[in-house]
Amino acid sequence: MAGGAWAIWALLSVHTDSTVPWGDATTTALSLGAQVMLNRKWIGNWLLWICADAIYIGLYAYKGLYLTAGLYGLFLAMCFVGVAQWRATLREESATARTEREKVAA
């Protein structure tokens, strides 16, 4: 992920007029990593989304884009709901599997 952020920073620094290339590169790398993890249904994706969204909020506020920062605040809240729902589903699936094993063993 750090290598990806560095490569994106290098591109942004040379080919764009971004005033926050490190922030843009970091959030892009985190978002791409989180999306790959989400596609593979890894629960750890939520941590990357939470970190990316928190940084996005700061970046957009710094740039004076308060409405967009607010939108990312909503996305951040959705991340916390998502991780809670995923954990609840994992607990339910684990309990169901345990019950099925007990039925087979009996």
N, C-alpha and C. Protein backbone atom coordinates (compact mmCIF):
# COMPACT_ATOMS: atom_id res chain seq x y z
N MET A 1 0.83 -1.19 0.00
CA MET A 1 0.00 0.00 0.00
C MET A 1 0.88 1.26 0.00
N ALA A 2 1.94 1.22 0.79
CA ALA A 2 2.83 2.39 0.84
C ALA A 2 3.49 2.62 -0.51
N GLY A 3 3.86 1.54 -1.18
CA GLY A 3 4.45 1.67 -2.50
C GLY A 3 3.48 2.27 -3.51
N GLY A 4 2.22 1.85 -3.40
CA GLY A 4 1.19 2.41 -4.27
C GLY A 4 0.99 3.89 -4.02
N ALA A 5 0.97 4.27 -2.74
CA ALA A 5 0.80 5.68 -2.39
C ALA A 5 1.98 6.50 -2.92
N TRP A 6 3.18 5.94 -2.81
CA TRP A 6 4.35 6.66 -3.32
C TRP A 6 4.26 6.83 -4.84
N ALA A 7 3.86 5.77 -5.55
CA ALA A 7 3.76 5.86 -7.01
C ALA A 7 2.70 6.88 -7.42
N ILE A 8 1.57 6.87 -6.74
CA ILE A 8 0.52 7.84 -7.05
C ILE A 8 1.00 9.25 -6.74
N TRP A 9 1.70 9.43 -5.62
CA TRP A 9 2.25 10.75 -5.27
C TRP A 9 3.18 11.24 -6.37
N ALA A 10 4.05 10.34 -6.87
CA ALA A 10 4.99 10.74 -7.92
C ALA A 10 4.25 11.21 -9.16
N LEU A 11 3.20 10.49 -9.53
CA LEU A 11 2.41 10.90 -10.70
C LEU A 11 1.70 12.24 -10.45
N LEU A 12 1.09 12.38 -9.29
CA LEU A 12 0.37 13.61 -8.98
C LEU A 12 1.31 14.81 -8.90
N SER A 13 2.47 14.61 -8.35
CA SER A 13 3.42 15.71 -8.21
C SER A 13 3.92 16.23 -9.55
N VAL A 14 4.06 15.35 -10.49
CA VAL A 14 4.61 15.73 -11.79
C VAL A 14 3.51 16.15 -12.78
N HIS A 15 2.40 15.45 -12.77
CA HIS A 15 1.40 15.62 -13.83
C HIS A 15 0.14 16.38 -13.44
N THR A 16 0.03 16.83 -12.20
CA THR A 16 -1.16 17.59 -11.81
C THR A 16 -0.73 18.82 -11.01
N ASP A 17 -1.69 19.66 -10.73
CA ASP A 17 -1.41 20.84 -9.90
C ASP A 17 -1.96 20.67 -8.49
N SER A 18 -2.05 19.42 -8.01
CA SER A 18 -2.57 19.14 -6.68
C SER A 18 -1.74 19.86 -5.62
N THR A 19 -2.42 20.52 -4.71
CA THR A 19 -1.73 21.19 -3.60
C THR A 19 -1.52 20.25 -2.42
N VAL A 20 -2.13 19.08 -2.49
CA VAL A 20 -1.99 18.09 -1.42
C VAL A 20 -1.73 16.70 -2.03
N PRO A 21 -0.62 16.56 -2.76
CA PRO A 21 -0.39 15.28 -3.46
C PRO A 21 -0.24 14.09 -2.51
N TRP A 22 0.37 14.31 -1.34
CA TRP A 22 0.50 13.19 -0.39
C TRP A 22 -0.86 12.76 0.13
N GLY A 23 -1.71 13.71 0.45
CA GLY A 23 -3.05 13.37 0.93
C GLY A 23 -3.86 12.67 -0.14
N ASP A 24 -3.80 13.20 -1.35
CA ASP A 24 -4.52 12.58 -2.47
C ASP A 24 -4.00 11.17 -2.74
N ALA A 25 -2.69 11.01 -2.73
CA ALA A 25 -2.10 9.70 -3.00
C ALA A 25 -2.44 8.70 -1.91
N THR A 26 -2.37 9.14 -0.68
CA THR A 26 -2.67 8.25 0.44
C THR A 26 -4.12 7.78 0.40
N THR A 27 -5.04 8.71 0.20
CA THR A 27 -6.45 8.33 0.18
C THR A 27 -6.77 7.45 -1.03
N THR A 28 -6.15 7.71 -2.15
CA THR A 28 -6.38 6.87 -3.32
C THR A 28 -5.87 5.46 -3.08
N ALA A 29 -4.67 5.33 -2.54
CA ALA A 29 -4.11 4.01 -2.27
C ALA A 29 -4.95 3.26 -1.23
N LEU A 30 -5.37 3.96 -0.18
CA LEU A 30 -6.23 3.31 0.83
C LEU A 30 -7.55 2.87 0.22
N SER A 31 -8.14 3.71 -0.61
CA SER A 31 -9.42 3.37 -1.23
C SER A 31 -9.29 2.18 -2.17
N LEU A 32 -8.23 2.15 -2.97
CA LEU A 32 -8.04 1.01 -3.87
C LEU A 32 -7.80 -0.28 -3.09
N GLY A 33 -6.99 -0.20 -2.04
CA GLY A 33 -6.77 -1.38 -1.20
C GLY A 33 -8.04 -1.84 -0.52
N ALA A 34 -8.82 -0.89 -0.01
CA ALA A 34 -10.08 -1.23 0.65
C ALA A 34 -11.05 -1.88 -0.33
N GLN A 35 -11.09 -1.38 -1.56
CA GLN A 35 -12.01 -1.95 -2.55
C GLN A 35 -11.62 -3.38 -2.90
N VAL A 36 -10.32 -3.64 -3.05
CA VAL A 36 -9.87 -5.00 -3.32
C VAL A 36 -10.27 -5.92 -2.16
N MET A 37 -10.04 -5.46 -0.94
CA MET A 37 -10.41 -6.26 0.23
C MET A 37 -11.92 -6.48 0.31
N LEU A 38 -12.69 -5.45 -0.02
CA LEU A 38 -14.15 -5.57 -0.01
C LEU A 38 -14.60 -6.60 -1.05
N ASN A 39 -13.99 -6.56 -2.23
CA ASN A 39 -14.33 -7.53 -3.27
C ASN A 39 -14.07 -8.96 -2.83
N ARG A 40 -13.06 -9.14 -1.98
CA ARG A 40 -12.73 -10.47 -1.46
C ARG A 40 -13.46 -10.80 -0.16
N LYS A 41 -14.30 -9.85 0.28
CA LYS A 41 -15.11 -9.99 1.49
C LYS A 41 -14.26 -10.16 2.75
N TRP A 42 -13.18 -9.41 2.83
CA TRP A 42 -12.33 -9.39 4.01
C TRP A 42 -12.84 -8.30 4.94
N ILE A 43 -13.09 -8.65 6.19
CA ILE A 43 -13.67 -7.68 7.13
C ILE A 43 -12.73 -6.51 7.39
N GLY A 44 -11.44 -6.71 7.22
CA GLY A 44 -10.47 -5.64 7.44
C GLY A 44 -10.61 -4.46 6.48
N ASN A 45 -11.41 -4.62 5.42
CA ASN A 45 -11.61 -3.53 4.48
C ASN A 45 -12.17 -2.30 5.18
N TRP A 46 -12.98 -2.54 6.22
CA TRP A 46 -13.63 -1.41 6.90
C TRP A 46 -12.62 -0.50 7.57
N LEU A 47 -11.54 -1.06 8.09
CA LEU A 47 -10.51 -0.23 8.72
C LEU A 47 -9.87 0.70 7.69
N LEU A 48 -9.61 0.18 6.49
CA LEU A 48 -9.03 1.04 5.45
C LEU A 48 -10.01 2.12 5.02
N TRP A 49 -11.29 1.74 4.86
CA TRP A 49 -12.29 2.74 4.48
C TRP A 49 -12.41 3.82 5.55
N ILE A 50 -12.39 3.42 6.82
CA ILE A 50 -12.49 4.40 7.92
C ILE A 50 -11.30 5.36 7.87
N CYS A 51 -10.10 4.82 7.70
CA CYS A 51 -8.90 5.69 7.62
C CYS A 51 -8.98 6.62 6.42
N ALA A 52 -9.35 6.07 5.26
CA ALA A 52 -9.43 6.90 4.05
C ALA A 52 -10.48 8.00 4.22
N ASP A 53 -11.64 7.65 4.72
CA ASP A 53 -12.70 8.65 4.87
C ASP A 53 -12.31 9.74 5.86
N ALA A 54 -11.64 9.37 6.94
CA ALA A 54 -11.20 10.37 7.91
C ALA A 54 -10.22 11.35 7.26
N ILE A 55 -9.32 10.82 6.45
CA ILE A 55 -8.36 11.69 5.76
C ILE A 55 -9.08 12.55 4.72
N TYR A 56 -10.02 11.94 3.98
CA TYR A 56 -10.79 12.69 3.00
C TYR A 56 -11.50 13.88 3.65
N ILE A 57 -12.09 13.65 4.81
CA ILE A 57 -12.80 14.73 5.51
C ILE A 57 -11.86 15.90 5.77
N GLY A 58 -10.67 15.58 6.28
CA GLY A 58 -9.68 16.62 6.55
C GLY A 58 -9.23 17.34 5.28
N LEU A 59 -8.98 16.57 4.23
CA LEU A 59 -8.54 17.18 2.97
C LEU A 59 -9.59 18.11 2.39
N TYR A 60 -10.83 17.64 2.36
CA TYR A 60 -11.89 18.47 1.78
C TYR A 60 -12.16 19.70 2.63
N ALA A 61 -12.09 19.57 3.93
CA ALA A 61 -12.26 20.74 4.80
C ALA A 61 -11.12 21.73 4.56
N TYR A 62 -9.89 21.23 4.44
CA TYR A 62 -8.73 22.07 4.18
C TYR A 62 -8.90 22.86 2.89
N LYS A 63 -9.49 22.20 1.87
CA LYS A 63 -9.70 22.85 0.58
C LYS A 63 -10.96 23.73 0.55
N GLY A 64 -11.69 23.78 1.67
CA GLY A 64 -12.89 24.59 1.74
C GLY A 64 -14.11 23.93 1.11
N LEU A 65 -14.04 22.65 0.86
CA LEU A 65 -15.15 21.90 0.25
C LEU A 65 -15.96 21.24 1.38
N TYR A 66 -16.67 22.05 2.11
CA TYR A 66 -17.33 21.59 3.33
C TYR A 66 -18.49 20.63 3.05
N LEU A 67 -19.21 20.83 1.98
CA LEU A 67 -20.31 19.93 1.66
C LEU A 67 -19.77 18.53 1.33
N THR A 68 -18.68 18.49 0.58
CA THR A 68 -18.06 17.21 0.26
C THR A 68 -17.48 16.56 1.51
N ALA A 69 -16.89 17.37 2.38
CA ALA A 69 -16.39 16.84 3.65
C ALA A 69 -17.54 16.24 4.45
N GLY A 70 -18.69 16.90 4.43
CA GLY A 70 -19.87 16.37 5.12
C GLY A 70 -20.33 15.05 4.52
N LEU A 71 -20.27 14.95 3.19
CA LEU A 71 -20.63 13.70 2.52
C LEU A 71 -19.72 12.57 2.99
N TYR A 72 -18.43 12.85 3.08
CA TYR A 72 -17.50 11.83 3.55
C TYR A 72 -17.70 11.53 5.03
N GLY A 73 -18.23 12.48 5.78
CA GLY A 73 -18.63 12.19 7.16
C GLY A 73 -19.75 11.17 7.18
N LEU A 74 -20.68 11.29 6.24
CA LEU A 74 -21.76 10.31 6.10
C LEU A 74 -21.19 8.95 5.71
N PHE A 75 -20.25 8.95 4.77
CA PHE A 75 -19.60 7.69 4.38
C PHE A 75 -18.89 7.05 5.57
N LEU A 76 -18.26 7.87 6.40
CA LEU A 76 -17.58 7.37 7.59
C LEU A 76 -18.57 6.71 8.54
N ALA A 77 -19.70 7.35 8.75
CA ALA A 77 -20.74 6.76 9.60
C ALA A 77 -21.23 5.44 9.01
N MET A 78 -21.37 5.39 7.68
CA MET A 78 -21.80 4.16 7.02
C MET A 78 -20.78 3.04 7.22
N CYS A 79 -19.51 3.39 7.30
CA CYS A 79 -18.47 2.39 7.55
C CYS A 79 -18.65 1.74 8.92
N PHE A 80 -18.95 2.54 9.91
CA PHE A 80 -19.15 2.00 11.25
C PHE A 80 -20.38 1.09 11.29
N VAL A 81 -21.43 1.47 10.58
CA VAL A 81 -22.62 0.61 10.49
C VAL A 81 -22.26 -0.67 9.75
N GLY A 82 -21.51 -0.55 8.67
CA GLY A 82 -21.12 -1.72 7.88
C GLY A 82 -20.30 -2.71 8.68
N VAL A 83 -19.32 -2.23 9.41
CA VAL A 83 -18.48 -3.15 10.19
C VAL A 83 -19.32 -3.82 11.28
N ALA A 84 -20.23 -3.11 11.88
CA ALA A 84 -21.09 -3.70 12.91
C ALA A 84 -21.98 -4.79 12.29
N GLN A 85 -22.53 -4.53 11.12
CA GLN A 85 -23.38 -5.52 10.46
C GLN A 85 -22.58 -6.75 10.02
N TRP A 86 -21.39 -6.53 9.51
CA TRP A 86 -20.56 -7.67 9.10
C TRP A 86 -20.21 -8.52 10.31
N ARG A 87 -19.85 -7.90 11.41
CA ARG A 87 -19.51 -8.66 12.62
C ARG A 87 -20.71 -9.45 13.12
N ALA A 88 -21.88 -8.84 13.11
CA ALA A 88 -23.09 -9.54 13.55
C ALA A 88 -23.37 -10.74 12.65
N THR A 89 -23.21 -10.57 11.35
CA THR A 89 -23.42 -11.67 10.42
C THR A 89 -22.42 -12.79 10.67
N LEU A 90 -21.16 -12.44 10.90
CA LEU A 90 -20.15 -13.46 11.19
C LEU A 90 -20.47 -14.22 12.46
N ARG A 91 -20.95 -13.51 13.49
CA ARG A 91 -21.33 -14.18 14.74
C ARG A 91 -22.49 -15.14 14.50
N GLU A 92 -23.49 -14.70 13.74
CA GLU A 92 -24.65 -15.55 13.44
C GLU A 92 -24.23 -16.79 12.66
N GLU A 93 -23.38 -16.60 11.65
CA GLU A 93 -22.93 -17.73 10.84
C GLU A 93 -22.11 -18.70 11.69
N SER A 94 -21.30 -18.19 12.58
CA SER A 94 -20.50 -19.03 13.46
C SER A 94 -21.40 -19.84 14.40
N ALA A 95 -22.41 -19.18 14.95
CA ALA A 95 -23.34 -19.87 15.87
C ALA A 95 -24.12 -20.94 15.11
N THR A 96 -24.54 -20.64 13.89
CA THR A 96 -25.28 -21.61 13.08
C THR A 96 -24.40 -22.82 12.76
N ALA A 97 -23.17 -22.57 12.38
CA ALA A 97 -22.25 -23.66 12.06
C ALA A 97 -21.98 -24.51 13.29
N ARG A 98 -21.85 -23.89 14.44
CA ARG A 98 -21.61 -24.62 15.69
C ARG A 98 -22.82 -25.51 16.02
N THR A 99 -24.02 -24.97 15.83
CA THR A 99 -25.24 -25.73 16.10
C THR A 99 -25.33 -26.92 15.15
N GLU A 100 -25.00 -26.71 13.89
CA GLU A 100 -25.03 -27.81 12.91
C GLU A 100 -24.03 -28.90 13.27
N ARG A 101 -22.85 -28.52 13.71
CA ARG A 101 -21.83 -29.51 14.12
C ARG A 101 -22.31 -30.31 15.32
N GLU A 102 -22.97 -29.62 16.26
CA GLU A 102 -23.48 -30.31 17.45
C GLU A 102 -24.58 -31.31 17.09
N LYS A 103 -25.42 -30.95 16.13
CA LYS A 103 -26.49 -31.85 15.68
C LYS A 103 -25.89 -33.10 15.03
N VAL A 104 -24.86 -32.91 14.21
CA VAL A 104 -24.23 -34.02 13.54
C VAL A 104 -23.53 -34.93 14.56
N ALA A 105 -22.89 -34.34 15.56
CA ALA A 105 -22.17 -35.10 16.56
C ALA A 105 -23.10 -35.89 17.49
N ALA A 106 -24.34 -35.45 17.64
CA ALA A 106 -25.27 -36.09 18.58
C ALA A 106 -25.92 -37.30 18.03
